Amino acid sequence: MDSLENDLKSLIIEVFSLDELKPEDIDSHAPLFGEGLGLDSIDALELGLALKNRFGIIITADTPEVRTIFSSIAHLADYIRHIQSS
């Protein structure tokens, strides 16, 4: 399992108190919102704050392709790698 993706899964479990889940239970390509983990727009704000605190990145509603970035763990990890390498 990709280390960054694993870190993101652990962060989501921690932030949303999904104690019944383990990182390996979350599919990196499954949707974070709606049918996937069932997160909603308020959760997106909380996740954005957690990402800022953990990784020092800021994702806002004005961030280009914000819906794609937040669509899955895999997309979120790709975005973080891109920002960190810039």
PDB file of N, CA and C in Angstrom:
ATOM      1  N   MET A   1       0.846  -1.176   0.000  1.00  0.00           N
ATOM      2  CA  MET A   1       0.000   0.000   0.000  1.00  0.00           C
ATOM      3  C   MET A   1       0.892   1.240   0.000  1.00  0.00           C
ATOM      4  N   ASP A   2       0.536   2.221  -0.784  1.00  0.00           N
ATOM      5  CA  ASP A   2       1.251   3.481  -0.881  1.00  0.00           C
ATOM      6  C   ASP A   2       1.258   4.172   0.486  1.00  0.00           C
ATOM      7  N   SER A   3       2.421   4.638   0.907  1.00  0.00           N
ATOM      8  CA  SER A   3       2.573   5.247   2.229  1.00  0.00           C
ATOM      9  C   SER A   3       1.705   6.492   2.405  1.00  0.00           C
ATOM     10  N   LEU A   4       1.700   7.383   1.413  1.00  0.00           N
ATOM     11  CA  LEU A   4       0.892   8.597   1.513  1.00  0.00           C
ATOM     12  C   LEU A   4      -0.592   8.248   1.544  1.00  0.00           C
ATOM     13  N   GLU A   5      -1.010   7.321   0.706  1.00  0.00           N
ATOM     14  CA  GLU A   5      -2.415   6.906   0.713  1.00  0.00           C
ATOM     15  C   GLU A   5      -2.779   6.308   2.066  1.00  0.00           C
ATOM     16  N   ASN A   6      -1.892   5.519   2.633  1.00  0.00           N
ATOM     17  CA  ASN A   6      -2.125   4.939   3.953  1.00  0.00           C
ATOM     18  C   ASN A   6      -2.243   6.035   5.011  1.00  0.00           C
ATOM     19  N   ASP A   7      -1.373   7.049   4.940  1.00  0.00           N
ATOM     20  CA  ASP A   7      -1.446   8.181   5.869  1.00  0.00           C
ATOM     21  C   ASP A   7      -2.777   8.912   5.735  1.00  0.00           C
ATOM     22  N   LEU A   8      -3.242   9.102   4.501  1.00  0.00           N
ATOM     23  CA  LEU A   8      -4.519   9.777   4.273  1.00  0.00           C
ATOM     24  C   LEU A   8      -5.682   8.960   4.824  1.00  0.00           C
ATOM     25  N   LYS A   9      -5.638   7.668   4.632  1.00  0.00           N
ATOM     26  CA  LYS A   9      -6.688   6.804   5.166  1.00  0.00           C
ATOM     27  C   LYS A   9      -6.715   6.875   6.687  1.00  0.00           C
ATOM     28  N   SER A  10      -5.553   6.836   7.304  1.00  0.00           N
ATOM     29  CA  SER A  10      -5.468   6.941   8.764  1.00  0.00           C
ATOM     30  C   SER A  10      -5.988   8.287   9.242  1.00  0.00           C
ATOM     31  N   LEU A  11      -5.669   9.341   8.508  1.00  0.00           N
ATOM     32  CA  LEU A  11      -6.149  10.678   8.854  1.00  0.00           C
ATOM     33  C   LEU A  11      -7.669  10.734   8.791  1.00  0.00           C
ATOM     34  N   ILE A  12      -8.253  10.191   7.745  1.00  0.00           N
ATOM     35  CA  ILE A  12      -9.710  10.185   7.602  1.00  0.00           C
ATOM     36  C   ILE A  12     -10.356   9.384   8.731  1.00  0.00           C
ATOM     37  N   ILE A  13      -9.793   8.250   9.055  1.00  0.00           N
ATOM     38  CA  ILE A  13     -10.316   7.439  10.158  1.00  0.00           C
ATOM     39  C   ILE A  13     -10.273   8.227  11.457  1.00  0.00           C
ATOM     40  N   GLU A  14      -9.171   8.928  11.689  1.00  0.00           N
ATOM     41  CA  GLU A  14      -8.998   9.724  12.906  1.00  0.00           C
ATOM     42  C   GLU A  14      -9.960  10.907  12.946  1.00  0.00           C
ATOM     43  N   VAL A  15     -10.001  11.693  11.878  1.00  0.00           N
ATOM     44  CA  VAL A  15     -10.805  12.920  11.846  1.00  0.00           C
ATOM     45  C   VAL A  15     -12.294  12.625  11.991  1.00  0.00           C
ATOM     46  N   PHE A  16     -12.754  11.566  11.346  1.00  0.00           N
ATOM     47  CA  PHE A  16     -14.184  11.268  11.340  1.00  0.00           C
ATOM     48  C   PHE A  16     -14.564  10.148  12.308  1.00  0.00           C
ATOM     49  N   SER A  17     -13.641   9.806  13.206  1.00  0.00           N
ATOM     50  CA  SER A  17     -13.892   8.789  14.239  1.00  0.00           C
ATOM     51  C   SER A  17     -14.486   7.507  13.654  1.00  0.00           C
ATOM     52  N   LEU A  18     -13.875   7.041  12.582  1.00  0.00           N
ATOM     53  CA  LEU A  18     -14.312   5.804  11.934  1.00  0.00           C
ATOM     54  C   LEU A  18     -13.528   4.634  12.521  1.00  0.00           C
ATOM     55  N   ASP A  19     -13.610   4.503  13.832  1.00  0.00           N
ATOM     56  CA  ASP A  19     -12.786   3.549  14.564  1.00  0.00           C
ATOM     57  C   ASP A  19     -13.015   2.099  14.154  1.00  0.00           C
ATOM     58  N   GLU A  20     -14.162   1.826  13.514  1.00  0.00           N
ATOM     59  CA  GLU A  20     -14.436   0.457  13.091  1.00  0.00           C
ATOM     60  C   GLU A  20     -13.666   0.082  11.825  1.00  0.00           C
ATOM     61  N   LEU A  21     -13.041   1.068  11.184  1.00  0.00           N
ATOM     62  CA  LEU A  21     -12.290   0.829   9.953  1.00  0.00           C
ATOM     63  C   LEU A  21     -10.786   0.817  10.206  1.00  0.00           C
ATOM     64  N   LYS A  22     -10.086   0.084   9.363  1.00  0.00           N
ATOM     65  CA  LYS A  22      -8.628   0.112   9.313  1.00  0.00           C
ATOM     66  C   LYS A  22      -8.257   0.674   7.947  1.00  0.00           C
ATOM     67  N   PRO A  23      -7.068   1.243   7.796  1.00  0.00           N
ATOM     68  CA  PRO A  23      -6.683   1.812   6.499  1.00  0.00           C
ATOM     69  C   PRO A  23      -6.875   0.839   5.334  1.00  0.00           C
ATOM     70  N   GLU A  24      -6.564  -0.427   5.551  1.00  0.00           N
ATOM     71  CA  GLU A  24      -6.694  -1.392   4.457  1.00  0.00           C
ATOM     72  C   GLU A  24      -8.152  -1.682   4.077  1.00  0.00           C
ATOM     73  N   ASP A  25      -9.099  -1.246   4.912  1.00  0.00           N
ATOM     74  CA  ASP A  25     -10.522  -1.410   4.594  1.00  0.00           C
ATOM     75  C   ASP A  25     -11.012  -0.385   3.576  1.00  0.00           C
ATOM     76  N   ILE A  26     -10.251   0.680   3.384  1.00  0.00           N
ATOM     77  CA  ILE A  26     -10.669   1.771   2.502  1.00  0.00           C
ATOM     78  C   ILE A  26      -9.987   1.612   1.150  1.00  0.00           C
ATOM     79  N   ASP A  27     -10.792   1.537   0.110  1.00  0.00           N
ATOM     80  CA  ASP A  27     -10.287   1.434  -1.261  1.00  0.00           C
ATOM     81  C   ASP A  27      -9.782   2.806  -1.701  1.00  0.00           C
ATOM     82  N   SER A  28      -8.553   2.878  -2.147  1.00  0.00           N
ATOM     83  CA  SER A  28      -7.954   4.156  -2.559  1.00  0.00           C
ATOM     84  C   SER A  28      -8.689   4.808  -3.719  1.00  0.00           C
ATOM     85  N   HIS A  29      -9.420   4.016  -4.493  1.00  0.00           N
ATOM     86  CA  HIS A  29     -10.110   4.549  -5.667  1.00  0.00           C
ATOM     87  C   HIS A  29     -11.613   4.717  -5.444  1.00  0.00           C
ATOM     88  N   ALA A  30     -12.096   4.357  -4.262  1.00  0.00           N
ATOM     89  CA  ALA A  30     -13.521   4.509  -3.952  1.00  0.00           C
ATOM     90  C   ALA A  30     -13.838   5.986  -3.712  1.00  0.00           C
ATOM     91  N   PRO A  31     -15.052   6.400  -4.040  1.00  0.00           N
ATOM     92  CA  PRO A  31     -15.437   7.796  -3.793  1.00  0.00           C
ATOM     93  C   PRO A  31     -15.394   8.120  -2.296  1.00  0.00           C
ATOM     94  N   LEU A  32     -14.916   9.312  -1.976  1.00  0.00           N
ATOM     95  CA  LEU A  32     -14.932   9.759  -0.584  1.00  0.00           C
ATOM     96  C   LEU A  32     -16.318  10.250  -0.187  1.00  0.00           C
ATOM     97  N   PHE A  33     -17.048  10.775  -1.156  1.00  0.00           N
ATOM     98  CA  PHE A  33     -18.350  11.376  -0.876  1.00  0.00           C
ATOM     99  C   PHE A  33     -19.459  10.535  -1.481  1.00  0.00           C
ATOM    100  N   GLY A  34     -20.657  10.693  -0.948  1.00  0.00           N
ATOM    101  CA  GLY A  34     -21.793   9.951  -1.480  1.00  0.00           C
ATOM    102  C   GLY A  34     -21.700   8.480  -1.132  1.00  0.00           C
ATOM    103  N   GLU A  35     -21.727   7.632  -2.145  1.00  0.00           N
ATOM    104  CA  GLU A  35     -21.790   6.186  -1.940  1.00  0.00           C
ATOM    105  C   GLU A  35     -20.520   5.580  -1.346  1.00  0.00           C
ATOM    106  N   GLY A  36     -19.390   6.235  -1.485  1.00  0.00           N
ATOM    107  CA  GLY A  36     -18.135   5.703  -0.960  1.00  0.00           C
ATOM    108  C   GLY A  36     -18.127   5.704   0.556  1.00  0.00           C
ATOM    109  N   LEU A  37     -17.333   6.574   1.140  1.00  0.00           N
ATOM    110  CA  LEU A  37     -17.277   6.688   2.597  1.00  0.00           C
ATOM    111  C   LEU A  37     -18.456   7.463   3.163  1.00  0.00           C
ATOM    112  N   GLY A  38     -19.227   8.092   2.287  1.00  0.00           N
ATOM    113  CA  GLY A  38     -20.416   8.805   2.747  1.00  0.00           C
ATOM    114  C   GLY A  38     -20.127  10.181   3.328  1.00  0.00           C
ATOM    115  N   LEU A  39     -18.986  10.758   3.002  1.00  0.00           N
ATOM    116  CA  LEU A  39     -18.676  12.095   3.495  1.00  0.00           C
ATOM    117  C   LEU A  39     -19.558  13.116   2.793  1.00  0.00           C
ATOM    118  N   ASP A  40     -19.761  14.280   3.451  1.00  0.00           N
ATOM    119  CA  ASP A  40     -20.570  15.348   2.858  1.00  0.00           C
ATOM    120  C   ASP A  40     -19.771  16.642   2.816  1.00  0.00           C
ATOM    121  N   SER A  41     -20.418  17.741   2.446  1.00  0.00           N
ATOM    122  CA  SER A  41     -19.707  19.012   2.262  1.00  0.00           C
ATOM    123  C   SER A  41     -19.107  19.535   3.566  1.00  0.00           C
ATOM    124  N   ILE A  42     -19.763  19.318   4.682  1.00  0.00           N
ATOM    125  CA  ILE A  42     -19.196  19.728   5.978  1.00  0.00           C
ATOM    126  C   ILE A  42     -17.939  18.903   6.261  1.00  0.00           C
ATOM    127  N   ASP A  43     -18.006  17.631   5.944  1.00  0.00           N
ATOM    128  CA  ASP A  43     -16.836  16.767   6.120  1.00  0.00           C
ATOM    129  C   ASP A  43     -15.672  17.237   5.252  1.00  0.00           C
ATOM    130  N   ALA A  44     -15.982  17.760   4.067  1.00  0.00           N
ATOM    131  CA  ALA A  44     -14.930  18.270   3.180  1.00  0.00           C
ATOM    132  C   ALA A  44     -14.176  19.413   3.851  1.00  0.00           C
ATOM    133  N   LEU A  45     -14.902  20.269   4.564  1.00  0.00           N
ATOM    134  CA  LEU A  45     -14.252  21.370   5.287  1.00  0.00           C
ATOM    135  C   LEU A  45     -13.341  20.831   6.382  1.00  0.00           C
ATOM    136  N   GLU A  46     -13.833  19.855   7.129  1.00  0.00           N
ATOM    137  CA  GLU A  46     -13.024  19.254   8.191  1.00  0.00           C
ATOM    138  C   GLU A  46     -11.790  18.562   7.620  1.00  0.00           C
ATOM    139  N   LEU A  47     -11.982  17.863   6.520  1.00  0.00           N
ATOM    140  CA  LEU A  47     -10.856  17.178   5.881  1.00  0.00           C
ATOM    141  C   LEU A  47      -9.844  18.190   5.358  1.00  0.00           C
ATOM    142  N   GLY A  48     -10.330  19.276   4.786  1.00  0.00           N
ATOM    143  CA  GLY A  48      -9.436  20.333   4.310  1.00  0.00           C
ATOM    144  C   GLY A  48      -8.579  20.898   5.431  1.00  0.00           C
ATOM    145  N   LEU A  49      -9.186  21.117   6.595  1.00  0.00           N
ATOM    146  CA  LEU A  49      -8.445  21.631   7.751  1.00  0.00           C
ATOM    147  C   LEU A  49      -7.421  20.604   8.237  1.00  0.00           C
ATOM    148  N   ALA A  50      -7.815  19.350   8.268  1.00  0.00           N
ATOM    149  CA  ALA A  50      -6.889  18.292   8.691  1.00  0.00           C
ATOM    150  C   ALA A  50      -5.706  18.180   7.734  1.00  0.00           C
ATOM    151  N   LEU A  51      -5.966  18.334   6.431  1.00  0.00           N
ATOM    152  CA  LEU A  51      -4.886  18.292   5.440  1.00  0.00           C
ATOM    153  C   LEU A  51      -3.931  19.468   5.622  1.00  0.00           C
ATOM    154  N   LYS A  52      -4.487  20.624   5.937  1.00  0.00           N
ATOM    155  CA  LYS A  52      -3.648  21.799   6.187  1.00  0.00           C
ATOM    156  C   LYS A  52      -2.756  21.556   7.400  1.00  0.00           C
ATOM    157  N   ASN A  53      -3.338  21.029   8.459  1.00  0.00           N
ATOM    158  CA  ASN A  53      -2.579  20.789   9.685  1.00  0.00           C
ATOM    159  C   ASN A  53      -1.531  19.694   9.517  1.00  0.00           C
ATOM    160  N   ARG A  54      -1.850  18.636   8.799  1.00  0.00           N
ATOM    161  CA  ARG A  54      -0.946  17.493   8.667  1.00  0.00           C
ATOM    162  C   ARG A  54       0.103  17.692   7.582  1.00  0.00           C
ATOM    163  N   PHE A  55      -0.322  18.241   6.429  1.00  0.00           N
ATOM    164  CA  PHE A  55       0.576  18.313   5.277  1.00  0.00           C
ATOM    165  C   PHE A  55       0.955  19.734   4.877  1.00  0.00           C
ATOM    166  N   GLY A  56       0.340  20.729   5.515  1.00  0.00           N
ATOM    167  CA  GLY A  56       0.653  22.117   5.189  1.00  0.00           C
ATOM    168  C   GLY A  56       0.116  22.573   3.851  1.00  0.00           C
ATOM    169  N   ILE A  57      -0.897  21.882   3.331  1.00  0.00           N
ATOM    170  CA  ILE A  57      -1.480  22.288   2.049  1.00  0.00           C
ATOM    171  C   ILE A  57      -2.870  22.871   2.275  1.00  0.00           C
ATOM    172  N   ILE A  58      -3.237  23.790   1.425  1.00  0.00           N
ATOM    173  CA  ILE A  58      -4.548  24.420   1.525  1.00  0.00           C
ATOM    174  C   ILE A  58      -5.336  24.104   0.260  1.00  0.00           C
ATOM    175  N   ILE A  59      -6.497  23.507   0.461  1.00  0.00           N
ATOM    176  CA  ILE A  59      -7.419  23.223  -0.637  1.00  0.00           C
ATOM    177  C   ILE A  59      -8.716  23.942  -0.307  1.00  0.00           C
ATOM    178  N   THR A  60      -9.125  24.838  -1.180  1.00  0.00           N
ATOM    179  CA  THR A  60     -10.366  25.583  -0.967  1.00  0.00           C
ATOM    180  C   THR A  60     -11.335  25.299  -2.107  1.00  0.00           C
ATOM    181  N   ALA A  61     -12.531  25.838  -1.982  1.00  0.00           N
ATOM    182  CA  ALA A  61     -13.529  25.695  -3.051  1.00  0.00           C
ATOM    183  C   ALA A  61     -13.036  26.332  -4.343  1.00  0.00           C
ATOM    184  N   ASP A  62     -12.102  27.285  -4.238  1.00  0.00           N
ATOM    185  CA  ASP A  62     -11.553  27.967  -5.410  1.00  0.00           C
ATOM    186  C   ASP A  62     -10.378  27.224  -6.047  1.00  0.00           C
ATOM    187  N   THR A  63      -9.895  26.188  -5.388  1.00  0.00           N
ATOM    188  CA  THR A  63      -8.788  25.410  -5.939  1.00  0.00           C
ATOM    189  C   THR A  63      -9.251  24.736  -7.231  1.00  0.00           C
ATOM    190  N   PRO A  64      -8.498  24.927  -8.323  1.00  0.00           N
ATOM    191  CA  PRO A  64      -8.892  24.273  -9.580  1.00  0.00           C
ATOM    192  C   PRO A  64      -9.041  22.756  -9.390  1.00  0.00           C
ATOM    193  N   GLU A  65     -10.070  22.220  -9.976  1.00  0.00           N
ATOM    194  CA  GLU A  65     -10.336  20.781  -9.944  1.00  0.00           C
ATOM    195  C   GLU A  65     -10.543  20.233  -8.535  1.00  0.00           C
ATOM    196  N   VAL A  66     -11.106  21.052  -7.641  1.00  0.00           N
ATOM    197  CA  VAL A  66     -11.296  20.619  -6.255  1.00  0.00           C
ATOM    198  C   VAL A  66     -12.149  19.351  -6.168  1.00  0.00           C
ATOM    199  N   ARG A  67     -13.143  19.230  -7.031  1.00  0.00           N
ATOM    200  CA  ARG A  67     -13.991  18.022  -6.992  1.00  0.00           C
ATOM    201  C   ARG A  67     -13.187  16.773  -7.356  1.00  0.00           C
ATOM    202  N   THR A  68     -12.293  16.902  -8.317  1.00  0.00           N
ATOM    203  CA  THR A  68     -11.454  15.765  -8.701  1.00  0.00           C
ATOM    204  C   THR A  68     -10.480  15.427  -7.585  1.00  0.00           C
ATOM    205  N   ILE A  69      -9.874  16.446  -6.994  1.00  0.00           N
ATOM    206  CA  ILE A  69      -8.905  16.232  -5.915  1.00  0.00           C
ATOM    207  C   ILE A  69      -9.539  15.453  -4.770  1.00  0.00           C
ATOM    208  N   PHE A  70     -10.757  15.837  -4.387  1.00  0.00           N
ATOM    209  CA  PHE A  70     -11.445  15.198  -3.267  1.00  0.00           C
ATOM    210  C   PHE A  70     -12.253  13.968  -3.684  1.00  0.00           C
ATOM    211  N   SER A  71     -12.114  13.515  -4.917  1.00  0.00           N
ATOM    212  CA  SER A  71     -12.950  12.400  -5.368  1.00  0.00           C
ATOM    213  C   SER A  71     -12.534  11.053  -4.778  1.00  0.00           C
ATOM    214  N   SER A  72     -11.263  10.892  -4.453  1.00  0.00           N
ATOM    215  CA  SER A  72     -10.789   9.622  -3.883  1.00  0.00           C
ATOM    216  C   SER A  72      -9.461   9.844  -3.160  1.00  0.00           C
ATOM    217  N   ILE A  73      -9.088   8.865  -2.378  1.00  0.00           N
ATOM    218  CA  ILE A  73      -7.783   8.890  -1.704  1.00  0.00           C
ATOM    219  C   ILE A  73      -6.666   8.976  -2.743  1.00  0.00           C
ATOM    220  N   ALA A  74      -6.778   8.214  -3.814  1.00  0.00           N
ATOM    221  CA  ALA A  74      -5.733   8.188  -4.846  1.00  0.00           C
ATOM    222  C   ALA A  74      -5.546   9.571  -5.470  1.00  0.00           C
ATOM    223  N   HIS A  75      -6.650  10.252  -5.807  1.00  0.00           N
ATOM    224  CA  HIS A  75      -6.544  11.592  -6.389  1.00  0.00           C
ATOM    225  C   HIS A  75      -5.977  12.592  -5.381  1.00  0.00           C
ATOM    226  N   LEU A  76      -6.399  12.470  -4.143  1.00  0.00           N
ATOM    227  CA  LEU A  76      -5.901  13.362  -3.099  1.00  0.00           C
ATOM    228  C   LEU A  76      -4.400  13.167  -2.905  1.00  0.00           C
ATOM    229  N   ALA A  77      -3.948  11.935  -2.896  1.00  0.00           N
ATOM    230  CA  ALA A  77      -2.515  11.646  -2.755  1.00  0.00           C
ATOM    231  C   ALA A  77      -1.729  12.201  -3.941  1.00  0.00           C
ATOM    232  N   ASP A  78      -2.268  12.046  -5.139  1.00  0.00           N
ATOM    233  CA  ASP A  78      -1.602  12.596  -6.328  1.00  0.00           C
ATOM    234  C   ASP A  78      -1.458  14.109  -6.223  1.00  0.00           C
ATOM    235  N   TYR A  79      -2.502  14.772  -5.757  1.00  0.00           N
ATOM    236  CA  TYR A  79      -2.467  16.231  -5.621  1.00  0.00           C
ATOM    237  C   TYR A  79      -1.419  16.649  -4.579  1.00  0.00           C
ATOM    238  N   ILE A  80      -1.389  15.973  -3.455  1.00  0.00           N
ATOM    239  CA  ILE A  80      -0.422  16.308  -2.402  1.00  0.00           C
ATOM    240  C   ILE A  80       1.004  16.108  -2.922  1.00  0.00           C
ATOM    241  N   ARG A  81       1.251  15.018  -3.615  1.00  0.00           N
ATOM    242  CA  ARG A  81       2.585  14.789  -4.194  1.00  0.00           C
ATOM    243  C   ARG A  81       2.959  15.910  -5.154  1.00  0.00           C
ATOM    244  N   HIS A  82       2.007  16.317  -5.980  1.00  0.00           N
ATOM    245  CA  HIS A  82       2.244  17.398  -6.944  1.00  0.00           C
ATOM    246  C   HIS A  82       2.602  18.700  -6.218  1.00  0.00           C
ATOM    247  N   ILE A  83       1.844  19.046  -5.203  1.00  0.00           N
ATOM    248  CA  ILE A  83       2.091  20.284  -4.446  1.00  0.00           C
ATOM    249  C   ILE A  83       3.439  20.203  -3.727  1.00  0.00           C
ATOM    250  N   GLN A  84       3.731  19.082  -3.118  1.00  0.00           N
ATOM    251  CA  GLN A  84       4.982  18.945  -2.372  1.00  0.00           C
ATOM    252  C   GLN A  84       6.207  18.939  -3.279  1.00  0.00           C
ATOM    253  N   SER A  85       6.044  18.543  -4.530  1.00  0.00           N
ATOM    254  CA  SER A  85       7.186  18.525  -5.444  1.00  0.00           C
ATOM    255  C   SER A  85       7.375  19.855  -6.169  1.00  0.00           C
ATOM    256  N   SER A  86       6.413  20.755  -6.029  1.00  0.00           N
ATOM    257  CA  SER A  86       6.498  22.071  -6.706  1.00  0.00           C
ATOM    258  C   SER A  86       7.386  23.028  -5.957  1.00  0.00           C
TER     259      SER A  86
END
